[in-house]
Amino acid sequence: MSKNCSFLEVITRYIESGNIVLPVFSSAALRVQQELTKKEPDIKKIEKILAADQSLSSQILQMANSAFYQGLNEVLTVKAAIIRLGMQEVGRIALLVAMKNQFRSKEKELNLIMKQLWQHAVGCALGVRWLAKRLHFGELENHAFFAGLFHDVGKLFVLMVVDQLREKNKELPITHALLLESMASLHTDQGYKLMKNWNMPEEYCLVTRDHHRSDYDTKNYMLLMVRLADTACLKLGIGLSTDDTLELSAREEAHLLNLSEIDLAELEIHLEDTTILFG
């Protein structure tokens, strides 16, 4: 236990020192998201923003042509992707691509954990989006996807801190158990701070901070959906760990959202079907 505490202290002190290099999120993906939250998004403006970011647009086209989205003909331009998939879906793909670019490390073990975190982030985002659709929440669907994708960003941040510490001290003793414990202990508060640093809307920041709290806001539907999708991913092993004993129907969030056992079973099927995006 003392080793664990000392490791947590090393991470915390390094974060508080101000020497850490904060990750930078894609400004293009955020600008698209801001445009999509308007009552009447401008399709030409979205196309222009994405086309100006060559790396992002090429990765969007790659994903738009993946087996998950593929149509009869190959999509060759951002405009064609928007026409086929719609503005909201292209916006979600932009977020997925931008987020995935953050999940990389030179360290083999950290890279493996980051890949599992990516799988969990995507699973939760798609699960929350499915719930918003099933519950007919309309505009909340796109916001909920965003919140689901970023809810565990604090775990990524902790790993990036560890990555930077290893660059400075190759002898720093790190075990898998220490990494998991550090992420579990620090990710909600540090994730909240990182989201604030990225100037994310407060509604998303609160989901990142509160998705494990016992005294959470039971009237925050976006938070309820993220917490439930998070639990569903844990049950199915989408992410760092698995707990197949979990019963979604017993969760308070399921009752507050008025979801039936059929709804919850279909949510699990949907999550299993979306694993094609996890690569």
Protein backbone atom coordinates (compact mmCIF):
# COMPACT_ATOMS: atom_id res chain seq x y z
CA MET A 1 0.00 0.00 0.00
CA SER A 2 2.84 2.39 0.83
CA LYS A 3 4.36 1.80 -2.59
CA ASN A 4 1.05 2.62 -4.18
CA CYS A 5 0.69 5.84 -2.15
CA SER A 6 4.24 6.95 -2.99
CA PHE A 7 3.60 6.34 -6.69
CA LEU A 8 0.40 8.39 -6.50
CA GLU A 9 2.32 11.14 -4.75
CA VAL A 10 4.97 11.16 -7.49
CA ILE A 11 2.28 11.57 -10.15
CA THR A 12 0.37 14.21 -8.17
CA ARG A 13 3.50 16.25 -7.42
CA TYR A 14 4.53 16.17 -11.07
CA ILE A 15 1.08 17.36 -12.19
CA GLU A 16 1.13 20.15 -9.59
CA SER A 17 4.67 21.21 -10.55
CA GLY A 18 3.40 22.76 -13.78
CA ASN A 19 6.13 21.00 -15.77
CA ILE A 20 3.75 18.61 -17.49
CA VAL A 21 3.11 19.01 -21.22
CA LEU A 22 -0.67 19.04 -21.58
CA PRO A 23 -2.19 17.17 -24.52
CA VAL A 24 -3.68 19.38 -27.23
CA PHE A 25 -7.05 18.42 -28.69
CA SER A 26 -7.89 19.01 -32.36
CA SER A 27 -9.20 22.56 -32.75
CA ALA A 28 -10.86 21.57 -36.03
CA ALA A 29 -12.88 18.78 -34.40
CA LEU A 30 -13.96 21.15 -31.62
CA ARG A 31 -14.96 23.89 -34.08
CA VAL A 32 -17.07 21.37 -35.99
CA GLN A 33 -18.71 20.30 -32.72
CA GLN A 34 -19.46 23.94 -31.87
CA GLU A 35 -21.07 24.45 -35.27
CA LEU A 36 -23.16 21.30 -34.91
CA THR A 37 -24.65 22.47 -31.62
CA LYS A 38 -26.27 25.44 -33.44
CA LYS A 39 -29.93 25.22 -34.43
CA GLU A 40 -29.00 25.51 -38.11
CA PRO A 41 -25.42 24.25 -38.69
CA ASP A 42 -23.70 25.50 -41.85
CA ILE A 43 -22.73 22.50 -43.97
CA LYS A 44 -20.28 24.57 -46.05
CA LYS A 45 -18.54 25.85 -42.92
CA ILE A 46 -18.16 22.29 -41.57
CA GLU A 47 -16.77 21.10 -44.90
CA LYS A 48 -14.32 24.01 -44.96
CA ILE A 49 -13.09 23.41 -41.40
CA LEU A 50 -12.47 19.69 -42.02
CA ALA A 51 -10.96 20.14 -45.48
CA ALA A 52 -8.42 22.61 -44.05
CA ASP A 53 -7.08 19.91 -41.69
CA GLN A 54 -5.54 17.42 -44.11
CA SER A 55 -4.63 14.81 -41.50
CA LEU A 56 -8.06 14.89 -39.87
CA SER A 57 -9.98 14.86 -43.15
CA SER A 58 -7.97 11.92 -44.54
CA GLN A 59 -8.62 9.91 -41.36
CA ILE A 60 -12.33 10.82 -41.53
CA LEU A 61 -12.49 9.48 -45.09
CA GLN A 62 -10.68 6.32 -43.99
CA MET A 63 -13.24 5.72 -41.25
CA ALA A 64 -16.18 6.69 -43.49
CA ASN A 65 -15.05 3.94 -45.86
CA SER A 66 -14.65 1.36 -43.09
CA ALA A 67 -16.92 -1.68 -42.92
CA PHE A 68 -19.01 0.05 -40.23
CA TYR A 69 -20.03 2.95 -42.51
CA GLN A 70 -19.30 1.71 -46.02
CA GLY A 71 -21.86 2.29 -48.80
CA LEU A 72 -21.85 1.10 -52.39
CA ASN A 73 -19.26 3.61 -53.59
CA GLU A 74 -16.03 4.80 -52.01
CA VAL A 75 -16.21 8.22 -50.35
CA LEU A 76 -13.43 10.42 -51.75
CA THR A 77 -14.16 13.88 -50.32
CA VAL A 78 -15.36 15.37 -47.04
CA LYS A 79 -18.36 16.78 -48.92
CA ALA A 80 -19.27 13.29 -50.18
CA ALA A 81 -18.96 11.93 -46.63
CA ILE A 82 -21.30 14.65 -45.32
CA ILE A 83 -23.84 13.93 -48.09
CA ARG A 84 -23.80 10.18 -47.43
CA LEU A 85 -23.61 10.16 -43.64
CA GLY A 86 -25.00 13.55 -42.67
CA MET A 87 -23.38 16.42 -40.78
CA GLN A 88 -23.95 15.00 -37.31
CA GLU A 89 -22.41 11.63 -38.14
CA VAL A 90 -19.37 13.22 -39.81
CA GLY A 91 -19.01 15.40 -36.72
CA ARG A 92 -19.02 12.29 -34.53
CA ILE A 93 -16.43 10.64 -36.77
CA ALA A 94 -14.24 13.76 -36.47
CA LEU A 95 -14.42 13.47 -32.68
CA LEU A 96 -13.58 9.76 -32.81
CA VAL A 97 -10.58 10.36 -35.05
CA ALA A 98 -9.30 13.31 -33.01
CA MET A 99 -9.70 11.39 -29.76
CA LYS A 100 -8.01 8.27 -31.12
CA ASN A 101 -4.95 10.35 -32.03
CA GLN A 102 -4.43 11.00 -28.29
CA PHE A 103 -4.20 7.29 -27.41
CA ARG A 104 -0.56 6.61 -28.28
CA SER A 105 2.63 5.94 -26.38
CA LYS A 106 6.13 4.71 -27.18
CA GLU A 107 5.91 2.38 -24.16
CA LYS A 108 4.50 -0.99 -25.17
CA GLU A 109 2.51 -1.55 -21.96
CA LEU A 110 1.13 1.99 -21.87
CA ASN A 111 0.17 1.69 -25.53
CA LEU A 112 -1.79 -1.50 -24.82
CA ILE A 113 -3.67 0.16 -21.95
CA MET A 114 -4.36 3.20 -24.14
CA LYS A 115 -5.82 0.93 -26.81
CA GLN A 116 -8.16 -0.59 -24.22
CA LEU A 117 -9.10 2.90 -23.00
CA TRP A 118 -9.87 3.85 -26.60
CA GLN A 119 -12.10 0.81 -26.97
CA HIS A 120 -13.96 1.78 -23.80
CA ALA A 121 -14.32 5.43 -24.87
CA VAL A 122 -15.82 4.44 -28.23
CA GLY A 123 -18.05 1.79 -26.69
CA CYS A 124 -19.39 4.22 -24.10
CA ALA A 125 -19.94 6.98 -26.69
CA LEU A 126 -21.87 4.65 -29.01
CA GLY A 127 -23.81 3.21 -26.09
CA VAL A 128 -24.82 6.66 -24.86
CA ARG A 129 -25.82 7.68 -28.38
CA TRP A 130 -27.99 4.54 -28.69
CA LEU A 131 -29.65 5.31 -25.36
CA ALA A 132 -30.36 8.91 -26.38
CA LYS A 133 -31.98 7.63 -29.58
CA ARG A 134 -34.01 4.96 -27.78
CA LEU A 135 -35.24 7.54 -25.27
CA HIS A 136 -36.07 10.07 -28.02
CA PHE A 137 -33.87 12.76 -26.52
CA GLY A 138 -33.42 14.50 -29.90
CA GLU A 139 -30.67 17.14 -29.76
CA LEU A 140 -29.16 15.50 -26.69
CA GLU A 141 -28.01 12.58 -28.89
CA ASN A 142 -24.97 14.44 -30.26
CA HIS A 143 -24.10 16.00 -26.89
CA ALA A 144 -24.37 12.61 -25.19
CA PHE A 145 -22.00 11.00 -27.70
CA PHE A 146 -19.42 13.67 -26.93
CA ALA A 147 -19.83 13.21 -23.17
CA GLY A 148 -19.51 9.43 -23.47
CA LEU A 149 -16.36 9.70 -25.57
CA PHE A 150 -14.62 11.99 -23.06
CA HIS A 151 -15.88 10.63 -19.72
CA ASP A 152 -12.64 8.73 -18.95
CA VAL A 153 -10.19 11.21 -20.50
CA GLY A 154 -8.60 11.57 -17.05
CA LYS A 155 -7.27 8.01 -17.30
CA LEU A 156 -5.57 8.91 -20.56
CA PHE A 157 -4.14 12.01 -18.90
CA VAL A 158 -2.69 9.97 -16.00
CA LEU A 159 -1.03 7.61 -18.48
CA MET A 160 0.43 10.56 -20.37
CA VAL A 161 1.85 11.88 -17.08
CA VAL A 162 3.41 8.48 -16.40
CA ASP A 163 4.79 8.46 -19.96
CA GLN A 164 6.47 11.82 -19.37
CA LEU A 165 7.81 10.70 -15.98
CA ARG A 166 9.35 7.62 -17.60
CA GLU A 167 11.07 9.85 -20.14
CA LYS A 168 12.74 11.66 -17.24
CA ASN A 169 13.39 8.60 -15.08
CA LYS A 170 13.69 5.24 -16.83
CA GLU A 171 14.19 3.53 -13.45
CA LEU A 172 10.81 4.61 -12.10
CA PRO A 173 9.17 1.36 -10.90
CA ILE A 174 5.77 0.93 -12.56
CA THR A 175 3.54 -2.14 -12.40
CA HIS A 176 0.24 -2.80 -14.13
CA ALA A 177 -1.51 -2.74 -10.76
CA LEU A 178 -0.02 0.66 -9.91
CA LEU A 179 -1.15 2.08 -13.24
CA LEU A 180 -4.71 0.85 -12.75
CA GLU A 181 -4.87 2.14 -9.17
CA SER A 182 -3.46 5.53 -10.19
CA MET A 183 -6.00 5.91 -12.98
CA ALA A 184 -8.87 4.86 -10.71
CA SER A 185 -7.82 7.32 -7.97
CA LEU A 186 -7.02 10.36 -10.10
CA HIS A 187 -8.97 10.22 -13.34
CA THR A 188 -12.19 12.04 -12.41
CA ASP A 189 -10.59 15.13 -10.87
CA GLN A 190 -7.73 15.29 -13.38
CA GLY A 191 -10.09 14.64 -16.27
CA TYR A 192 -12.30 17.50 -15.12
CA LYS A 193 -9.29 19.85 -14.96
CA LEU A 194 -8.10 18.78 -18.42
CA MET A 195 -11.56 19.32 -19.91
CA LYS A 196 -11.64 22.80 -18.36
CA ASN A 197 -8.18 23.47 -19.81
CA TRP A 198 -9.54 22.50 -23.25
CA ASN A 199 -12.41 24.97 -22.70
CA MET A 200 -15.00 22.23 -23.02
CA PRO A 201 -18.61 23.13 -22.10
CA GLU A 202 -19.37 22.68 -18.40
CA GLU A 203 -21.99 19.98 -19.09
CA TYR A 204 -19.28 17.67 -20.46
CA CYS A 205 -16.82 18.57 -17.69
CA LEU A 206 -19.37 17.60 -15.03
CA VAL A 207 -19.94 14.17 -16.61
CA THR A 208 -16.18 13.58 -16.57
CA ARG A 209 -16.03 14.56 -12.89
CA ASP A 210 -19.20 12.87 -11.62
CA HIS A 211 -19.60 9.58 -13.51
CA HIS A 212 -18.45 7.53 -10.47
CA ARG A 213 -19.90 9.64 -7.65
CA SER A 214 -22.45 8.10 -5.31
CA ASP A 215 -24.08 11.50 -4.74
CA TYR A 216 -24.59 12.33 -8.41
CA ASP A 217 -27.28 14.55 -9.98
CA THR A 218 -30.12 12.11 -10.71
CA LYS A 219 -31.83 14.68 -12.95
CA ASN A 220 -28.86 15.01 -15.30
CA TYR A 221 -29.97 12.67 -18.11
CA MET A 222 -26.67 12.89 -19.97
CA LEU A 223 -24.82 11.81 -16.82
CA LEU A 224 -27.31 8.98 -16.23
CA MET A 225 -26.79 7.63 -19.76
CA VAL A 226 -22.99 7.83 -19.52
CA ARG A 227 -22.98 6.01 -16.17
CA LEU A 228 -25.22 3.25 -17.56
CA ALA A 229 -23.25 2.85 -20.81
CA ASP A 230 -20.03 2.81 -18.77
CA THR A 231 -21.45 -0.06 -16.67
CA ALA A 232 -22.60 -1.94 -19.80
CA CYS A 233 -19.09 -1.71 -21.26
CA LEU A 234 -17.64 -3.05 -18.00
CA LYS A 235 -20.08 -5.97 -18.08
CA LEU A 236 -19.08 -6.83 -21.66
CA GLY A 237 -15.35 -6.35 -21.15
CA ILE A 238 -15.08 -3.34 -23.47
CA GLY A 239 -12.09 -1.63 -21.91
CA LEU A 240 -9.62 -2.39 -19.15
CA SER A 241 -11.63 -4.95 -17.18
CA THR A 242 -14.70 -7.20 -17.17
CA ASP A 243 -17.44 -7.90 -14.64
CA ASP A 244 -20.03 -10.19 -16.24
CA THR A 245 -21.94 -10.46 -12.95
CA LEU A 246 -23.33 -6.93 -13.38
CA GLU A 247 -27.08 -6.63 -13.92
CA LEU A 248 -28.00 -3.47 -15.80
CA SER A 249 -31.65 -3.82 -14.78
CA ALA A 250 -30.60 -3.46 -11.12
CA ARG A 251 -28.89 -0.12 -11.72
CA GLU A 252 -30.54 3.01 -10.39
CA GLU A 253 -29.74 4.77 -13.66
CA ALA A 254 -31.81 2.23 -15.62
CA HIS A 255 -34.82 2.87 -13.39
CA LEU A 256 -34.42 6.65 -13.56
CA LEU A 257 -34.31 6.45 -17.36
CA ASN A 258 -37.32 4.12 -17.35
CA LEU A 259 -35.55 1.44 -19.42
CA SER A 260 -37.01 -2.06 -19.72
CA GLU A 261 -35.04 -5.31 -19.63
CA ILE A 262 -35.58 -5.55 -23.40
CA ASP A 263 -34.07 -2.07 -23.86
CA LEU A 264 -31.04 -3.08 -21.80
CA ALA A 265 -30.58 -6.38 -23.64
CA GLU A 266 -30.67 -4.51 -26.96
CA LEU A 267 -28.10 -2.03 -25.63
CA GLU A 268 -25.72 -4.91 -24.93
CA ILE A 269 -26.29 -6.36 -28.42
CA HIS A 270 -25.63 -2.94 -29.96
CA LEU A 271 -22.36 -2.59 -28.05
CA GLU A 272 -21.21 -6.04 -29.12
CA ASP A 273 -22.01 -5.14 -32.75
CA THR A 274 -19.98 -1.92 -32.66
CA THR A 275 -16.65 -3.54 -31.80
CA ILE A 276 -15.71 -3.19 -35.50
CA LEU A 277 -14.78 0.43 -34.71
CA PHE A 278 -12.39 -0.50 -31.93
CA GLY A 279 -9.32 -1.19 -34.03
